[in-house]
């Protein structure tokens, strides 16, 4: 994670839900959006998973989310990963 993280994963999850639409989120990506909604930092844990793994799994399962918001948010998440 970069030390200059400004948005929490909760804020990013809210952005994803607003842009993609909760009912339209790929069902394989939705659990990871839900998990991110409960996290502040990528170093936080959710159940048995680390935030870093949750973000990676979201990115793998979010290939159908496209457009400028998707590019911006996905780049932000990738920048958080070590």
PDB file of N, CA and C in Angstrom:
ATOM      1  N   UNK A   1       0.842  -1.183   0.000  1.00  0.00           N
ATOM      2  CA  UNK A   1       0.000   0.000   0.000  1.00  0.00           C
ATOM      3  C   UNK A   1       0.879   1.234   0.000  1.00  0.00           C
ATOM      4  N   UNK A   2       0.508   2.198  -0.773  1.00  0.00           N
ATOM      5  CA  UNK A   2       1.232   3.457  -0.752  1.00  0.00           C
ATOM      6  C   UNK A   2       0.830   4.233   0.486  1.00  0.00           C
ATOM      7  N   UNK A   3       1.749   5.037   1.007  1.00  0.00           N
ATOM      8  CA  UNK A   3       1.481   5.757   2.249  1.00  0.00           C
ATOM      9  C   UNK A   3       0.537   6.935   2.043  1.00  0.00           C
ATOM     10  N   UNK A   4       0.254   7.286   0.798  1.00  0.00           N
ATOM     11  CA  UNK A   4      -0.585   8.454   0.540  1.00  0.00           C
ATOM     12  C   UNK A   4      -2.035   8.077   0.195  1.00  0.00           C
ATOM     13  N   UNK A   5      -2.485   6.917   0.690  1.00  0.00           N
ATOM     14  CA  UNK A   5      -3.879   6.521   0.470  1.00  0.00           C
ATOM     15  C   UNK A   5      -4.772   7.584   1.079  1.00  0.00           C
ATOM     16  N   UNK A   6      -5.647   8.138   0.273  1.00  0.00           N
ATOM     17  CA  UNK A   6      -6.511   9.193   0.779  1.00  0.00           C
ATOM     18  C   UNK A   6      -7.943   8.719   0.991  1.00  0.00           C
ATOM     19  N   UNK A   7      -8.399   7.780   0.173  1.00  0.00           N
ATOM     20  CA  UNK A   7      -9.772   7.291   0.336  1.00  0.00           C
ATOM     21  C   UNK A   7      -9.742   5.926   1.000  1.00  0.00           C
ATOM     22  N   UNK A   8     -10.741   5.694   1.830  1.00  0.00           N
ATOM     23  CA  UNK A   8     -10.854   4.383   2.449  1.00  0.00           C
ATOM     24  C   UNK A   8     -11.462   3.409   1.446  1.00  0.00           C
ATOM     25  N   UNK A   9     -11.302   2.128   1.720  1.00  0.00           N
ATOM     26  CA  UNK A   9     -11.934   1.130   0.861  1.00  0.00           C
ATOM     27  C   UNK A   9     -13.449   1.245   0.945  1.00  0.00           C
ATOM     28  N   UNK A  10     -13.964   1.682   2.087  1.00  0.00           N
ATOM     29  CA  UNK A  10     -15.409   1.920   2.205  1.00  0.00           C
ATOM     30  C   UNK A  10     -15.859   2.986   1.210  1.00  0.00           C
ATOM     31  N   UNK A  11     -15.103   4.068   1.119  1.00  0.00           N
ATOM     32  CA  UNK A  11     -15.448   5.142   0.175  1.00  0.00           C
ATOM     33  C   UNK A  11     -15.362   4.654  -1.267  1.00  0.00           C
ATOM     34  N   UNK A  12     -14.355   3.847  -1.547  1.00  0.00           N
ATOM     35  CA  UNK A  12     -14.194   3.318  -2.900  1.00  0.00           C
ATOM     36  C   UNK A  12     -15.340   2.358  -3.231  1.00  0.00           C
ATOM     37  N   UNK A  13     -15.715   1.509  -2.273  1.00  0.00           N
ATOM     38  CA  UNK A  13     -16.845   0.595  -2.495  1.00  0.00           C
ATOM     39  C   UNK A  13     -18.122   1.376  -2.772  1.00  0.00           C
ATOM     40  N   UNK A  14     -18.333   2.458  -2.035  1.00  0.00           N
ATOM     41  CA  UNK A  14     -19.507   3.308  -2.286  1.00  0.00           C
ATOM     42  C   UNK A  14     -19.471   3.879  -3.701  1.00  0.00           C
ATOM     43  N   UNK A  15     -18.290   4.277  -4.143  1.00  0.00           N
ATOM     44  CA  UNK A  15     -18.110   4.807  -5.495  1.00  0.00           C
ATOM     45  C   UNK A  15     -18.443   3.734  -6.539  1.00  0.00           C
ATOM     46  N   UNK A  16     -17.982   2.515  -6.294  1.00  0.00           N
ATOM     47  CA  UNK A  16     -18.260   1.404  -7.211  1.00  0.00           C
ATOM     48  C   UNK A  16     -19.768   1.159  -7.294  1.00  0.00           C
ATOM     49  N   UNK A  17     -20.421   1.121  -6.145  1.00  0.00           N
ATOM     50  CA  UNK A  17     -21.862   0.869  -6.107  1.00  0.00           C
ATOM     51  C   UNK A  17     -22.629   1.982  -6.824  1.00  0.00           C
ATOM     52  N   UNK A  18     -22.228   3.225  -6.600  1.00  0.00           N
ATOM     53  CA  UNK A  18     -22.901   4.354  -7.269  1.00  0.00           C
ATOM     54  C   UNK A  18     -22.711   4.284  -8.786  1.00  0.00           C
ATOM     55  N   UNK A  19     -21.499   3.972  -9.211  1.00  0.00           N
ATOM     56  CA  UNK A  19     -21.195   3.991 -10.638  1.00  0.00           C
ATOM     57  C   UNK A  19     -21.722   2.746 -11.365  1.00  0.00           C
ATOM     58  N   UNK A  20     -21.481   1.583 -10.803  1.00  0.00           N
ATOM     59  CA  UNK A  20     -21.833   0.327 -11.465  1.00  0.00           C
ATOM     60  C   UNK A  20     -23.296  -0.020 -11.213  1.00  0.00           C
ATOM     61  N   UNK A  21     -23.810   0.358 -10.065  1.00  0.00           N
ATOM     62  CA  UNK A  21     -25.171  -0.015  -9.677  1.00  0.00           C
ATOM     63  C   UNK A  21     -25.139  -1.359  -8.981  1.00  0.00           C
ATOM     64  N   UNK A  22     -25.557  -1.403  -7.720  1.00  0.00           N
ATOM     65  CA  UNK A  22     -25.393  -2.630  -6.931  1.00  0.00           C
ATOM     66  C   UNK A  22     -26.003  -3.848  -7.619  1.00  0.00           C
ATOM     67  N   UNK A  23     -27.174  -3.695  -8.192  1.00  0.00           N
ATOM     68  CA  UNK A  23     -27.835  -4.833  -8.838  1.00  0.00           C
ATOM     69  C   UNK A  23     -27.158  -5.258 -10.138  1.00  0.00           C
ATOM     70  N   UNK A  24     -26.324  -4.384 -10.691  1.00  0.00           N
ATOM     71  CA  UNK A  24     -25.639  -4.715 -11.949  1.00  0.00           C
ATOM     72  C   UNK A  24     -24.217  -5.232 -11.733  1.00  0.00           C
ATOM     73  N   UNK A  25     -23.715  -5.135 -10.493  1.00  0.00           N
ATOM     74  CA  UNK A  25     -22.353  -5.621 -10.211  1.00  0.00           C
ATOM     75  C   UNK A  25     -22.287  -7.107 -10.517  1.00  0.00           C
ATOM     76  N   UNK A  26     -21.236  -7.508 -11.192  1.00  0.00           N
ATOM     77  CA  UNK A  26     -21.006  -8.916 -11.486  1.00  0.00           C
ATOM     78  C   UNK A  26     -21.165  -9.705 -10.177  1.00  0.00           C
ATOM     79  N   UNK A  27     -21.965 -10.768 -10.165  1.00  0.00           N
ATOM     80  CA  UNK A  27     -22.198 -11.506  -8.922  1.00  0.00           C
ATOM     81  C   UNK A  27     -20.922 -12.094  -8.320  1.00  0.00           C
ATOM     82  N   UNK A  28     -19.896 -12.286  -9.141  1.00  0.00           N
ATOM     83  CA  UNK A  28     -18.623 -12.791  -8.622  1.00  0.00           C
ATOM     84  C   UNK A  28     -17.800 -11.674  -7.987  1.00  0.00           C
ATOM     85  N   UNK A  29     -18.053 -10.429  -8.360  1.00  0.00           N
ATOM     86  CA  UNK A  29     -17.349  -9.276  -7.786  1.00  0.00           C
ATOM     87  C   UNK A  29     -18.071  -8.711  -6.569  1.00  0.00           C
ATOM     88  N   UNK A  30     -19.377  -8.942  -6.487  1.00  0.00           N
ATOM     89  CA  UNK A  30     -20.180  -8.330  -5.416  1.00  0.00           C
ATOM     90  C   UNK A  30     -19.693  -8.664  -4.011  1.00  0.00           C
ATOM     91  N   UNK A  31     -19.309  -9.912  -3.696  1.00  0.00           N
ATOM     92  CA  UNK A  31     -18.840 -10.183  -2.328  1.00  0.00           C
ATOM     93  C   UNK A  31     -17.608  -9.353  -1.950  1.00  0.00           C
ATOM     94  N   UNK A  32     -16.785  -9.038  -2.931  1.00  0.00           N
ATOM     95  CA  UNK A  32     -15.583  -8.263  -2.656  1.00  0.00           C
ATOM     96  C   UNK A  32     -15.906  -6.786  -2.484  1.00  0.00           C
ATOM     97  N   UNK A  33     -16.924  -6.297  -3.192  1.00  0.00           N
ATOM     98  CA  UNK A  33     -17.392  -4.926  -2.967  1.00  0.00           C
ATOM     99  C   UNK A  33     -17.978  -4.839  -1.552  1.00  0.00           C
ATOM    100  N   UNK A  34     -18.759  -5.837  -1.168  1.00  0.00           N
ATOM    101  CA  UNK A  34     -19.336  -5.859   0.180  1.00  0.00           C
ATOM    102  C   UNK A  34     -18.231  -5.884   1.237  1.00  0.00           C
ATOM    103  N   UNK A  35     -17.209  -6.673   1.009  1.00  0.00           N
ATOM    104  CA  UNK A  35     -16.098  -6.744   1.973  1.00  0.00           C
ATOM    105  C   UNK A  35     -15.351  -5.414   2.027  1.00  0.00           C
ATOM    106  N   UNK A  36     -15.087  -4.797   0.868  1.00  0.00           N
ATOM    107  CA  UNK A  36     -14.390  -3.503   0.860  1.00  0.00           C
ATOM    108  C   UNK A  36     -15.208  -2.450   1.601  1.00  0.00           C
ATOM    109  N   UNK A  37     -16.531  -2.555   1.533  1.00  0.00           N
ATOM    110  CA  UNK A  37     -17.395  -1.589   2.211  1.00  0.00           C
ATOM    111  C   UNK A  37     -17.208  -1.621   3.723  1.00  0.00           C
ATOM    112  N   UNK A  38     -16.648  -2.704   4.240  1.00  0.00           N
ATOM    113  CA  UNK A  38     -16.436  -2.840   5.681  1.00  0.00           C
ATOM    114  C   UNK A  38     -14.997  -2.519   6.097  1.00  0.00           C
ATOM    115  N   UNK A  39     -14.159  -2.102   5.149  1.00  0.00           N
ATOM    116  CA  UNK A  39     -12.737  -1.875   5.442  1.00  0.00           C
ATOM    117  C   UNK A  39     -12.343  -0.421   5.270  1.00  0.00           C
ATOM    118  N   UNK A  40     -11.382  -0.014   6.071  1.00  0.00           N
ATOM    119  CA  UNK A  40     -10.797   1.313   5.888  1.00  0.00           C
ATOM    120  C   UNK A  40      -9.562   1.219   5.000  1.00  0.00           C
ATOM    121  N   UNK A  41      -8.587   0.424   5.440  1.00  0.00           N
ATOM    122  CA  UNK A  41      -7.304   0.338   4.741  1.00  0.00           C
ATOM    123  C   UNK A  41      -7.129  -1.026   4.101  1.00  0.00           C
ATOM    124  N   UNK A  42      -6.249  -1.076   3.140  1.00  0.00           N
ATOM    125  CA  UNK A  42      -5.966  -2.334   2.448  1.00  0.00           C
ATOM    126  C   UNK A  42      -5.260  -3.328   3.371  1.00  0.00           C
ATOM    127  N   UNK A  43      -4.722  -2.850   4.465  1.00  0.00           N
ATOM    128  CA  UNK A  43      -4.053  -3.727   5.431  1.00  0.00           C
ATOM    129  C   UNK A  43      -5.024  -4.305   6.452  1.00  0.00           C
ATOM    130  N   UNK A  44      -6.287  -3.868   6.422  1.00  0.00           N
ATOM    131  CA  UNK A  44      -7.300  -4.397   7.334  1.00  0.00           C
ATOM    132  C   UNK A  44      -7.733  -5.782   6.877  1.00  0.00           C
ATOM    133  N   UNK A  45      -8.299  -6.539   7.791  1.00  0.00           N
ATOM    134  CA  UNK A  45      -8.816  -7.854   7.469  1.00  0.00           C
ATOM    135  C   UNK A  45     -10.329  -7.892   7.531  1.00  0.00           C
ATOM    136  N   UNK A  46     -10.894  -8.817   6.793  1.00  0.00           N
ATOM    137  CA  UNK A  46     -12.337  -9.030   6.779  1.00  0.00           C
ATOM    138  C   UNK A  46     -12.558 -10.534   6.825  1.00  0.00           C
ATOM    139  N   UNK A  47     -13.173 -11.016   7.898  1.00  0.00           N
ATOM    140  CA  UNK A  47     -13.311 -12.451   8.142  1.00  0.00           C
ATOM    141  C   UNK A  47     -11.923 -13.085   8.057  1.00  0.00           C
ATOM    142  N   UNK A  48     -11.700 -14.019   7.144  1.00  0.00           N
ATOM    143  CA  UNK A  48     -10.394 -14.671   7.047  1.00  0.00           C
ATOM    144  C   UNK A  48      -9.520 -14.109   5.934  1.00  0.00           C
ATOM    145  N   UNK A  49      -9.929 -13.007   5.323  1.00  0.00           N
ATOM    146  CA  UNK A  49      -9.193 -12.451   4.194  1.00  0.00           C
ATOM    147  C   UNK A  49      -8.556 -11.115   4.549  1.00  0.00           C
ATOM    148  N   UNK A  50      -7.437 -10.855   3.934  1.00  0.00           N
ATOM    149  CA  UNK A  50      -6.770  -9.568   4.065  1.00  0.00           C
ATOM    150  C   UNK A  50      -7.309  -8.627   2.992  1.00  0.00           C
ATOM    151  N   UNK A  51      -7.312  -7.339   3.290  1.00  0.00           N
ATOM    152  CA  UNK A  51      -7.807  -6.343   2.344  1.00  0.00           C
ATOM    153  C   UNK A  51      -7.127  -6.433   0.989  1.00  0.00           C
ATOM    154  N   UNK A  52      -5.838  -6.710   1.012  1.00  0.00           N
ATOM    155  CA  UNK A  52      -5.073  -6.829  -0.235  1.00  0.00           C
ATOM    156  C   UNK A  52      -5.646  -7.936  -1.125  1.00  0.00           C
ATOM    157  N   UNK A  53      -5.962  -9.077  -0.522  1.00  0.00           N
ATOM    158  CA  UNK A  53      -6.539 -10.191  -1.293  1.00  0.00           C
ATOM    159  C   UNK A  53      -7.940  -9.855  -1.796  1.00  0.00           C
ATOM    160  N   UNK A  54      -8.708  -9.163  -0.993  1.00  0.00           N
ATOM    161  CA  UNK A  54     -10.054  -8.759  -1.385  1.00  0.00           C
ATOM    162  C   UNK A  54     -10.001  -7.839  -2.603  1.00  0.00           C
ATOM    163  N   UNK A  55      -9.086  -6.876  -2.574  1.00  0.00           N
ATOM    164  CA  UNK A  55      -8.938  -5.947  -3.700  1.00  0.00           C
ATOM    165  C   UNK A  55      -8.518  -6.702  -4.957  1.00  0.00           C
ATOM    166  N   UNK A  56      -7.559  -7.591  -4.822  1.00  0.00           N
ATOM    167  CA  UNK A  56      -7.111  -8.376  -5.989  1.00  0.00           C
ATOM    168  C   UNK A  56      -8.250  -9.197  -6.578  1.00  0.00           C
ATOM    169  N   UNK A  57      -9.020  -9.837  -5.723  1.00  0.00           N
ATOM    170  CA  UNK A  57     -10.132 -10.663  -6.211  1.00  0.00           C
ATOM    171  C   UNK A  57     -11.219  -9.808  -6.850  1.00  0.00           C
ATOM    172  N   UNK A  58     -11.447  -8.624  -6.283  1.00  0.00           N
ATOM    173  CA  UNK A  58     -12.401  -7.728  -6.929  1.00  0.00           C
ATOM    174  C   UNK A  58     -11.920  -7.384  -8.336  1.00  0.00           C
ATOM    175  N   UNK A  59     -10.662  -6.995  -8.466  1.00  0.00           N
ATOM    176  CA  UNK A  59     -10.140  -6.603  -9.778  1.00  0.00           C
ATOM    177  C   UNK A  59     -10.236  -7.740 -10.783  1.00  0.00           C
ATOM    178  N   UNK A  60     -10.000  -8.955 -10.354  1.00  0.00           N
ATOM    179  CA  UNK A  60     -10.100 -10.120 -11.241  1.00  0.00           C
ATOM    180  C   UNK A  60     -11.534 -10.312 -11.715  1.00  0.00           C
ATOM    181  N   UNK A  61     -12.500 -10.052 -10.835  1.00  0.00           N
ATOM    182  CA  UNK A  61     -13.908 -10.318 -11.141  1.00  0.00           C
ATOM    183  C   UNK A  61     -14.672  -9.106 -11.657  1.00  0.00           C
ATOM    184  N   UNK A  62     -13.985  -7.994 -11.833  1.00  0.00           N
ATOM    185  CA  UNK A  62     -14.665  -6.762 -12.261  1.00  0.00           C
ATOM    186  C   UNK A  62     -14.342  -6.391 -13.701  1.00  0.00           C
ATOM    187  N   UNK A  63     -13.996  -7.353 -14.513  1.00  0.00           N
ATOM    188  CA  UNK A  63     -13.603  -7.050 -15.901  1.00  0.00           C
ATOM    189  C   UNK A  63     -14.765  -6.535 -16.739  1.00  0.00           C
ATOM    190  N   UNK A  64     -15.991  -6.834 -16.329  1.00  0.00           N
ATOM    191  CA  UNK A  64     -17.141  -6.356 -17.116  1.00  0.00           C
ATOM    192  C   UNK A  64     -17.529  -4.921 -16.769  1.00  0.00           C
ATOM    193  N   UNK A  65     -16.956  -4.373 -15.698  1.00  0.00           N
ATOM    194  CA  UNK A  65     -17.215  -2.976 -15.335  1.00  0.00           C
ATOM    195  C   UNK A  65     -16.267  -2.111 -16.146  1.00  0.00           C
ATOM    196  N   UNK A  66     -16.828  -1.263 -16.989  1.00  0.00           N
ATOM    197  CA  UNK A  66     -16.012  -0.467 -17.911  1.00  0.00           C
ATOM    198  C   UNK A  66     -16.428   0.989 -17.874  1.00  0.00           C
ATOM    199  N   UNK A  67     -15.626   1.811 -18.519  1.00  0.00           N
ATOM    200  CA  UNK A  67     -15.917   3.229 -18.595  1.00  0.00           C
ATOM    201  C   UNK A  67     -14.928   4.035 -17.761  1.00  0.00           C
ATOM    202  N   UNK A  68     -15.069   5.351 -17.800  1.00  0.00           N
ATOM    203  CA  UNK A  68     -14.106   6.215 -17.112  1.00  0.00           C
ATOM    204  C   UNK A  68     -14.072   6.012 -15.599  1.00  0.00           C
ATOM    205  N   UNK A  69     -15.232   5.819 -14.971  1.00  0.00           N
ATOM    206  CA  UNK A  69     -15.241   5.581 -13.527  1.00  0.00           C
ATOM    207  C   UNK A  69     -14.537   4.278 -13.192  1.00  0.00           C
ATOM    208  N   UNK A  70     -14.812   3.251 -13.970  1.00  0.00           N
ATOM    209  CA  UNK A  70     -14.183   1.950 -13.737  1.00  0.00           C
ATOM    210  C   UNK A  70     -12.667   2.055 -13.891  1.00  0.00           C
ATOM    211  N   UNK A  71     -12.212   2.717 -14.936  1.00  0.00           N
ATOM    212  CA  UNK A  71     -10.761   2.869 -15.137  1.00  0.00           C
ATOM    213  C   UNK A  71     -10.120   3.618 -13.973  1.00  0.00           C
ATOM    214  N   UNK A  72     -10.773   4.685 -13.527  1.00  0.00           N
ATOM    215  CA  UNK A  72     -10.225   5.503 -12.442  1.00  0.00           C
ATOM    216  C   UNK A  72     -10.154   4.705 -11.140  1.00  0.00           C
ATOM    217  N   UNK A  73     -11.245   4.036 -10.790  1.00  0.00           N
ATOM    218  CA  UNK A  73     -11.303   3.301  -9.529  1.00  0.00           C
ATOM    219  C   UNK A  73     -10.365   2.098  -9.554  1.00  0.00           C
ATOM    220  N   UNK A  74     -10.338   1.369 -10.655  1.00  0.00           N
ATOM    221  CA  UNK A  74      -9.448   0.218 -10.750  1.00  0.00           C
ATOM    222  C   UNK A  74      -7.987   0.652 -10.655  1.00  0.00           C
ATOM    223  N   UNK A  75      -7.631   1.765 -11.275  1.00  0.00           N
ATOM    224  CA  UNK A  75      -6.260   2.278 -11.173  1.00  0.00           C
ATOM    225  C   UNK A  75      -5.943   2.662  -9.728  1.00  0.00           C
ATOM    226  N   UNK A  76      -6.898   3.282  -9.052  1.00  0.00           N
ATOM    227  CA  UNK A  76      -6.710   3.657  -7.645  1.00  0.00           C
ATOM    228  C   UNK A  76      -6.470   2.410  -6.791  1.00  0.00           C
ATOM    229  N   UNK A  77      -7.257   1.368  -7.025  1.00  0.00           N
ATOM    230  CA  UNK A  77      -7.080   0.125  -6.268  1.00  0.00           C
ATOM    231  C   UNK A  77      -5.750  -0.533  -6.593  1.00  0.00           C
ATOM    232  N   UNK A  78      -5.375  -0.568  -7.861  1.00  0.00           N
ATOM    233  CA  UNK A  78      -4.078  -1.167  -8.234  1.00  0.00           C
ATOM    234  C   UNK A  78      -2.925  -0.408  -7.585  1.00  0.00           C
ATOM    235  N   UNK A  79      -3.049   0.910  -7.499  1.00  0.00           N
ATOM    236  CA  UNK A  79      -2.000   1.721  -6.881  1.00  0.00           C
ATOM    237  C   UNK A  79      -1.855   1.430  -5.390  1.00  0.00           C
ATOM    238  N   UNK A  80      -2.890   0.944  -4.755  1.00  0.00           N
ATOM    239  CA  UNK A  80      -2.826   0.607  -3.330  1.00  0.00           C
ATOM    240  C   UNK A  80      -2.084  -0.700  -3.067  1.00  0.00           C
ATOM    241  N   UNK A  81      -2.073  -1.575  -4.072  1.00  0.00           N
ATOM    242  CA  UNK A  81      -1.459  -2.887  -3.882  1.00  0.00           C
ATOM    243  C   UNK A  81       0.059  -2.777  -3.822  1.00  0.00           C
ATOM    244  N   UNK A  82       0.649  -3.601  -2.961  1.00  0.00           N
ATOM    245  CA  UNK A  82       2.128  -3.579  -2.871  1.00  0.00           C
ATOM    246  C   UNK A  82       2.772  -4.182  -4.109  1.00  0.00           C
TER     247      UNK A  82
END
